[in-house]
Amino acid sequence: TGRVTDASLVVGPAAAHFGWAQDDLD
């Protein structure tokens, strides 16, 4: 990636693995 938030490097893999949608806010 280029500039993403630092935490996105963790959130992205977790969202892909668990199938989270953009409204799975918690």
PDB file of all heavy atoms in Angstrom:
ATOM      1  N   THR A   1       0.835  -1.196   0.000  1.00  0.00           N
ATOM      2  CA  THR A   1       0.000   0.000   0.000  1.00  0.00           C
ATOM      3  C   THR A   1       0.872   1.249   0.000  1.00  0.00           C
ATOM      4  O   THR A   1       2.075   1.198   0.271  1.00  0.00           O
ATOM      5  CB  THR A   1      -0.929   0.068   1.233  1.00  0.00           C
ATOM      6  OG1 THR A   1      -0.167   0.486   2.382  1.00  0.00           O
ATOM      7  CG2 THR A   1      -1.583  -1.271   1.507  1.00  0.00           C
ATOM      8  N   GLY A   2       0.231   2.363  -0.286  1.00  0.00           N
ATOM      9  CA  GLY A   2       0.812   3.661  -0.025  1.00  0.00           C
ATOM     10  C   GLY A   2       0.368   4.091   1.352  1.00  0.00           C
ATOM     11  O   GLY A   2       0.441   3.331   2.321  1.00  0.00           O
ATOM     12  N   ARG A   3      -0.174   5.318   1.445  1.00  0.00           N
ATOM     13  CA  ARG A   3      -0.565   5.828   2.753  1.00  0.00           C
ATOM     14  C   ARG A   3      -1.927   5.264   3.145  1.00  0.00           C
ATOM     15  O   ARG A   3      -2.954   5.616   2.564  1.00  0.00           O
ATOM     16  CB  ARG A   3      -0.620   7.363   2.717  1.00  0.00           C
ATOM     17  CG  ARG A   3      -0.493   8.055   4.087  1.00  0.00           C
ATOM     18  CD  ARG A   3       0.489   7.390   4.937  1.00  0.00           C
ATOM     19  NE  ARG A   3       1.049   8.178   6.017  1.00  0.00           N
ATOM     20  CZ  ARG A   3       1.381   7.637   7.191  1.00  0.00           C
ATOM     21  NH1 ARG A   3       1.167   6.361   7.429  1.00  0.00           N
ATOM     22  NH2 ARG A   3       1.967   8.369   8.120  1.00  0.00           N
ATOM     23  N   VAL A   4      -1.920   4.363   4.074  1.00  0.00           N
ATOM     24  CA  VAL A   4      -3.129   3.921   4.761  1.00  0.00           C
ATOM     25  C   VAL A   4      -2.906   4.199   6.239  1.00  0.00           C
ATOM     26  O   VAL A   4      -1.777   4.439   6.675  1.00  0.00           O
ATOM     27  CB  VAL A   4      -3.412   2.421   4.534  1.00  0.00           C
ATOM     28  CG1 VAL A   4      -3.682   2.115   3.058  1.00  0.00           C
ATOM     29  CG2 VAL A   4      -2.272   1.554   5.055  1.00  0.00           C
ATOM     30  N   THR A   5      -3.955   4.187   7.035  1.00  0.00           N
ATOM     31  CA  THR A   5      -3.727   4.306   8.471  1.00  0.00           C
ATOM     32  C   THR A   5      -2.908   3.103   8.923  1.00  0.00           C
ATOM     33  O   THR A   5      -3.035   2.001   8.386  1.00  0.00           O
ATOM     34  CB  THR A   5      -5.042   4.367   9.258  1.00  0.00           C
ATOM     35  OG1 THR A   5      -5.764   3.153   9.066  1.00  0.00           O
ATOM     36  CG2 THR A   5      -5.885   5.549   8.823  1.00  0.00           C
ATOM     37  N   ASP A   6      -2.082   3.318   9.923  1.00  0.00           N
ATOM     38  CA  ASP A   6      -1.216   2.234  10.386  1.00  0.00           C
ATOM     39  C   ASP A   6      -2.026   0.999  10.791  1.00  0.00           C
ATOM     40  O   ASP A   6      -1.642  -0.131  10.491  1.00  0.00           O
ATOM     41  CB  ASP A   6      -0.366   2.712  11.568  1.00  0.00           C
ATOM     42  CG  ASP A   6       0.541   3.880  11.208  1.00  0.00           C
ATOM     43  OD1 ASP A   6       0.746   4.125  10.007  1.00  0.00           O
ATOM     44  OD2 ASP A   6       1.032   4.546  12.136  1.00  0.00           O
ATOM     45  N   ALA A   7      -3.139   1.217  11.472  1.00  0.00           N
ATOM     46  CA  ALA A   7      -3.952   0.099  11.944  1.00  0.00           C
ATOM     47  C   ALA A   7      -4.583  -0.677  10.797  1.00  0.00           C
ATOM     48  O   ALA A   7      -4.943  -1.853  10.965  1.00  0.00           O
ATOM     49  CB  ALA A   7      -5.036   0.600  12.898  1.00  0.00           C
ATOM     50  N   SER A   8      -4.723  -0.060   9.622  1.00  0.00           N
ATOM     51  CA  SER A   8      -5.345  -0.752   8.490  1.00  0.00           C
ATOM     52  C   SER A   8      -4.563  -1.982   8.083  1.00  0.00           C
ATOM     53  O   SER A   8      -5.123  -2.914   7.493  1.00  0.00           O
ATOM     54  CB  SER A   8      -5.469   0.206   7.299  1.00  0.00           C
ATOM     55  OG  SER A   8      -6.426   1.212   7.554  1.00  0.00           O
ATOM     56  N   LEU A   9      -3.266  -2.033   8.380  1.00  0.00           N
ATOM     57  CA  LEU A   9      -2.465  -3.198   8.048  1.00  0.00           C
ATOM     58  C   LEU A   9      -2.929  -4.430   8.814  1.00  0.00           C
ATOM     59  O   LEU A   9      -2.678  -5.568   8.380  1.00  0.00           O
ATOM     60  CB  LEU A   9      -0.989  -2.924   8.344  1.00  0.00           C
ATOM     61  CG  LEU A   9      -0.367  -1.719   7.619  1.00  0.00           C
ATOM     62  CD1 LEU A   9       1.079  -1.541   8.058  1.00  0.00           C
ATOM     63  CD2 LEU A   9      -0.464  -1.882   6.113  1.00  0.00           C
ATOM     64  N   VAL A  10      -3.595  -4.224   9.940  1.00  0.00           N
ATOM     65  CA  VAL A  10      -4.174  -5.319  10.715  1.00  0.00           C
ATOM     66  C   VAL A  10      -5.656  -5.493  10.394  1.00  0.00           C
ATOM     67  O   VAL A  10      -6.150  -6.612  10.248  1.00  0.00           O
ATOM     68  CB  VAL A  10      -3.972  -5.074  12.225  1.00  0.00           C
ATOM     69  CG1 VAL A  10      -4.789  -6.061  13.065  1.00  0.00           C
ATOM     70  CG2 VAL A  10      -2.495  -5.177  12.572  1.00  0.00           C
ATOM     71  N   VAL A  11      -6.369  -4.391  10.260  1.00  0.00           N
ATOM     72  CA  VAL A  11      -7.813  -4.460  10.013  1.00  0.00           C
ATOM     73  C   VAL A  11      -8.099  -5.146   8.677  1.00  0.00           C
ATOM     74  O   VAL A  11      -9.016  -5.973   8.566  1.00  0.00           O
ATOM     75  CB  VAL A  11      -8.439  -3.053  10.036  1.00  0.00           C
ATOM     76  CG1 VAL A  11      -9.935  -3.126   9.756  1.00  0.00           C
ATOM     77  CG2 VAL A  11      -8.186  -2.369  11.377  1.00  0.00           C
ATOM     78  N   GLY A  12      -7.319  -4.839   7.640  1.00  0.00           N
ATOM     79  CA  GLY A  12      -7.561  -5.414   6.324  1.00  0.00           C
ATOM     80  C   GLY A  12      -7.502  -6.927   6.309  1.00  0.00           C
ATOM     81  O   GLY A  12      -8.443  -7.595   5.835  1.00  0.00           O
ATOM     82  N   PRO A  13      -6.425  -7.544   6.810  1.00  0.00           N
ATOM     83  CA  PRO A  13      -6.382  -9.002   6.852  1.00  0.00           C
ATOM     84  C   PRO A  13      -7.509  -9.614   7.688  1.00  0.00           C
ATOM     85  O   PRO A  13      -8.066 -10.653   7.319  1.00  0.00           O
ATOM     86  CB  PRO A  13      -5.017  -9.293   7.472  1.00  0.00           C
ATOM     87  CG  PRO A  13      -4.178  -8.117   7.100  1.00  0.00           C
ATOM     88  CD  PRO A  13      -5.120  -6.938   7.153  1.00  0.00           C
ATOM     89  N   ALA A  14      -7.837  -8.982   8.817  1.00  0.00           N
ATOM     90  CA  ALA A  14      -8.913  -9.520   9.647  1.00  0.00           C
ATOM     91  C   ALA A  14     -10.252  -9.433   8.926  1.00  0.00           C
ATOM     92  O   ALA A  14     -11.048 -10.382   8.959  1.00  0.00           O
ATOM     93  CB  ALA A  14      -8.966  -8.764  10.974  1.00  0.00           C
ATOM     94  N   ALA A  15     -10.513  -8.315   8.264  1.00  0.00           N
ATOM     95  CA  ALA A  15     -11.773  -8.167   7.522  1.00  0.00           C
ATOM     96  C   ALA A  15     -11.861  -9.195   6.402  1.00  0.00           C
ATOM     97  O   ALA A  15     -12.933  -9.779   6.156  1.00  0.00           O
ATOM     98  CB  ALA A  15     -11.882  -6.753   6.957  1.00  0.00           C
ATOM     99  N   ALA A  16     -10.758  -9.449   5.710  1.00  0.00           N
ATOM    100  CA  ALA A  16     -10.760 -10.447   4.643  1.00  0.00           C
ATOM    101  C   ALA A  16     -10.993 -11.842   5.202  1.00  0.00           C
ATOM    102  O   ALA A  16     -11.772 -12.634   4.647  1.00  0.00           O
ATOM    103  CB  ALA A  16      -9.434 -10.393   3.881  1.00  0.00           C
ATOM    104  N   HIS A  17     -10.346 -12.171   6.295  1.00  0.00           N
ATOM    105  CA  HIS A  17     -10.412 -13.520   6.860  1.00  0.00           C
ATOM    106  C   HIS A  17     -11.785 -13.838   7.442  1.00  0.00           C
ATOM    107  O   HIS A  17     -12.310 -14.938   7.241  1.00  0.00           O
ATOM    108  CB  HIS A  17      -9.343 -13.664   7.941  1.00  0.00           C
ATOM    109  CG  HIS A  17      -9.264 -15.025   8.551  1.00  0.00           C
ATOM    110  ND1 HIS A  17      -8.684 -16.089   7.899  1.00  0.00           N
ATOM    111  CD2 HIS A  17      -9.712 -15.503   9.749  1.00  0.00           C
ATOM    112  CE1 HIS A  17      -8.766 -17.171   8.668  1.00  0.00           C
ATOM    113  NE2 HIS A  17      -9.374 -16.838   9.803  1.00  0.00           N
ATOM    114  N   PHE A  18     -12.346 -12.871   8.143  1.00  0.00           N
ATOM    115  CA  PHE A  18     -13.613 -13.125   8.840  1.00  0.00           C
ATOM    116  C   PHE A  18     -14.832 -12.671   8.047  1.00  0.00           C
ATOM    117  O   PHE A  18     -15.967 -12.852   8.502  1.00  0.00           O
ATOM    118  CB  PHE A  18     -13.600 -12.452  10.214  1.00  0.00           C
ATOM    119  CG  PHE A  18     -12.573 -13.015  11.155  1.00  0.00           C
ATOM    120  CD1 PHE A  18     -11.499 -12.245  11.594  1.00  0.00           C
ATOM    121  CD2 PHE A  18     -12.663 -14.334  11.599  1.00  0.00           C
ATOM    122  CE1 PHE A  18     -10.544 -12.768  12.455  1.00  0.00           C
ATOM    123  CE2 PHE A  18     -11.715 -14.865  12.476  1.00  0.00           C
ATOM    124  CZ  PHE A  18     -10.652 -14.081  12.894  1.00  0.00           C
ATOM    125  N   GLY A  19     -14.608 -12.057   6.898  1.00  0.00           N
ATOM    126  CA  GLY A  19     -15.735 -11.643   6.072  1.00  0.00           C
ATOM    127  C   GLY A  19     -16.491 -10.445   6.599  1.00  0.00           C
ATOM    128  O   GLY A  19     -17.684 -10.296   6.336  1.00  0.00           O
ATOM    129  N   TRP A  20     -15.797  -9.559   7.317  1.00  0.00           N
ATOM    130  CA  TRP A  20     -16.482  -8.383   7.855  1.00  0.00           C
ATOM    131  C   TRP A  20     -16.904  -7.457   6.718  1.00  0.00           C
ATOM    132  O   TRP A  20     -16.211  -7.302   5.711  1.00  0.00           O
ATOM    133  CB  TRP A  20     -15.560  -7.605   8.793  1.00  0.00           C
ATOM    134  CG  TRP A  20     -15.147  -8.349  10.030  1.00  0.00           C
ATOM    135  CD1 TRP A  20     -15.779  -9.410  10.609  1.00  0.00           C
ATOM    136  CD2 TRP A  20     -13.991  -8.075  10.830  1.00  0.00           C
ATOM    137  NE1 TRP A  20     -15.097  -9.811  11.727  1.00  0.00           N
ATOM    138  CE2 TRP A  20     -13.994  -9.015  11.893  1.00  0.00           C
ATOM    139  CE3 TRP A  20     -12.964  -7.147  10.767  1.00  0.00           C
ATOM    140  CZ2 TRP A  20     -13.007  -9.038  12.871  1.00  0.00           C
ATOM    141  CZ3 TRP A  20     -11.975  -7.169  11.733  1.00  0.00           C
ATOM    142  CH2 TRP A  20     -12.009  -8.097  12.783  1.00  0.00           C
ATOM    143  N   ALA A  21     -18.040  -6.823   6.928  1.00  0.00           N
ATOM    144  CA  ALA A  21     -18.515  -5.786   6.011  1.00  0.00           C
ATOM    145  C   ALA A  21     -18.193  -4.421   6.596  1.00  0.00           C
ATOM    146  O   ALA A  21     -17.767  -4.296   7.755  1.00  0.00           O
ATOM    147  CB  ALA A  21     -20.012  -5.936   5.789  1.00  0.00           C
ATOM    148  N   GLN A  22     -18.439  -3.387   5.805  1.00  0.00           N
ATOM    149  CA  GLN A  22     -18.105  -2.036   6.252  1.00  0.00           C
ATOM    150  C   GLN A  22     -18.974  -1.559   7.413  1.00  0.00           C
ATOM    151  O   GLN A  22     -18.609  -0.578   8.074  1.00  0.00           O
ATOM    152  CB  GLN A  22     -18.202  -1.063   5.087  1.00  0.00           C
ATOM    153  CG  GLN A  22     -17.067  -1.202   4.078  1.00  0.00           C
ATOM    154  CD  GLN A  22     -17.173  -0.186   2.959  1.00  0.00           C
ATOM    155  OE1 GLN A  22     -18.206  -0.084   2.300  1.00  0.00           O
ATOM    156  NE2 GLN A  22     -16.112   0.577   2.721  1.00  0.00           N
ATOM    157  N   ASP A  23     -20.088  -2.231   7.677  1.00  0.00           N
ATOM    158  CA  ASP A  23     -20.934  -1.821   8.801  1.00  0.00           C
ATOM    159  C   ASP A  23     -20.750  -2.706  10.031  1.00  0.00           C
ATOM    160  O   ASP A  23     -21.510  -2.596  10.994  1.00  0.00           O
ATOM    161  CB  ASP A  23     -22.407  -1.790   8.382  1.00  0.00           C
ATOM    162  CG  ASP A  23     -22.916  -3.137   7.882  1.00  0.00           C
ATOM    163  OD1 ASP A  23     -22.113  -4.090   7.789  1.00  0.00           O
ATOM    164  OD2 ASP A  23     -24.125  -3.233   7.567  1.00  0.00           O
ATOM    165  N   ASP A  24     -19.737  -3.571  10.047  1.00  0.00           N
ATOM    166  CA  ASP A  24     -19.422  -4.359  11.244  1.00  0.00           C
ATOM    167  C   ASP A  24     -18.540  -3.509  12.158  1.00  0.00           C
ATOM    168  O   ASP A  24     -17.342  -3.768  12.352  1.00  0.00           O
ATOM    169  CB  ASP A  24     -18.718  -5.662  10.865  1.00  0.00           C
ATOM    170  CG  ASP A  24     -19.642  -6.665  10.214  1.00  0.00           C
ATOM    171  OD1 ASP A  24     -20.799  -6.776  10.679  1.00  0.00           O
ATOM    172  OD2 ASP A  24     -19.226  -7.327   9.244  1.00  0.00           O
ATOM    173  N   LEU A  25     -19.143  -2.481  12.727  1.00  0.00           N
ATOM    174  CA  LEU A  25     -18.365  -1.423  13.371  1.00  0.00           C
ATOM    175  C   LEU A  25     -17.618  -1.886  14.609  1.00  0.00           C
ATOM    176  O   LEU A  25     -16.458  -1.495  14.827  1.00  0.00           O
ATOM    177  CB  LEU A  25     -19.279  -0.240  13.708  1.00  0.00           C
ATOM    178  CG  LEU A  25     -19.948   0.437  12.509  1.00  0.00           C
ATOM    179  CD1 LEU A  25     -20.815   1.603  12.975  1.00  0.00           C
ATOM    180  CD2 LEU A  25     -18.907   0.912  11.504  1.00  0.00           C
ATOM    181  N   ASP A  26     -18.244  -2.714  15.450  1.00  0.00           N
ATOM    182  CA  ASP A  26     -17.557  -3.133  16.668  1.00  0.00           C
ATOM    183  C   ASP A  26     -16.354  -4.022  16.347  1.00  0.00           C
ATOM    184  O   ASP A  26     -15.279  -3.877  16.944  1.00  0.00           O
ATOM    185  CB  ASP A  26     -18.515  -3.862  17.601  1.00  0.00           C
ATOM    186  CG  ASP A  26     -19.540  -2.934  18.233  1.00  0.00           C
ATOM    187  OD1 ASP A  26     -19.364  -1.702  18.152  1.00  0.00           O
ATOM    188  OD2 ASP A  26     -20.522  -3.443  18.812  1.00  0.00           O
TER     189      ASP A  26
END
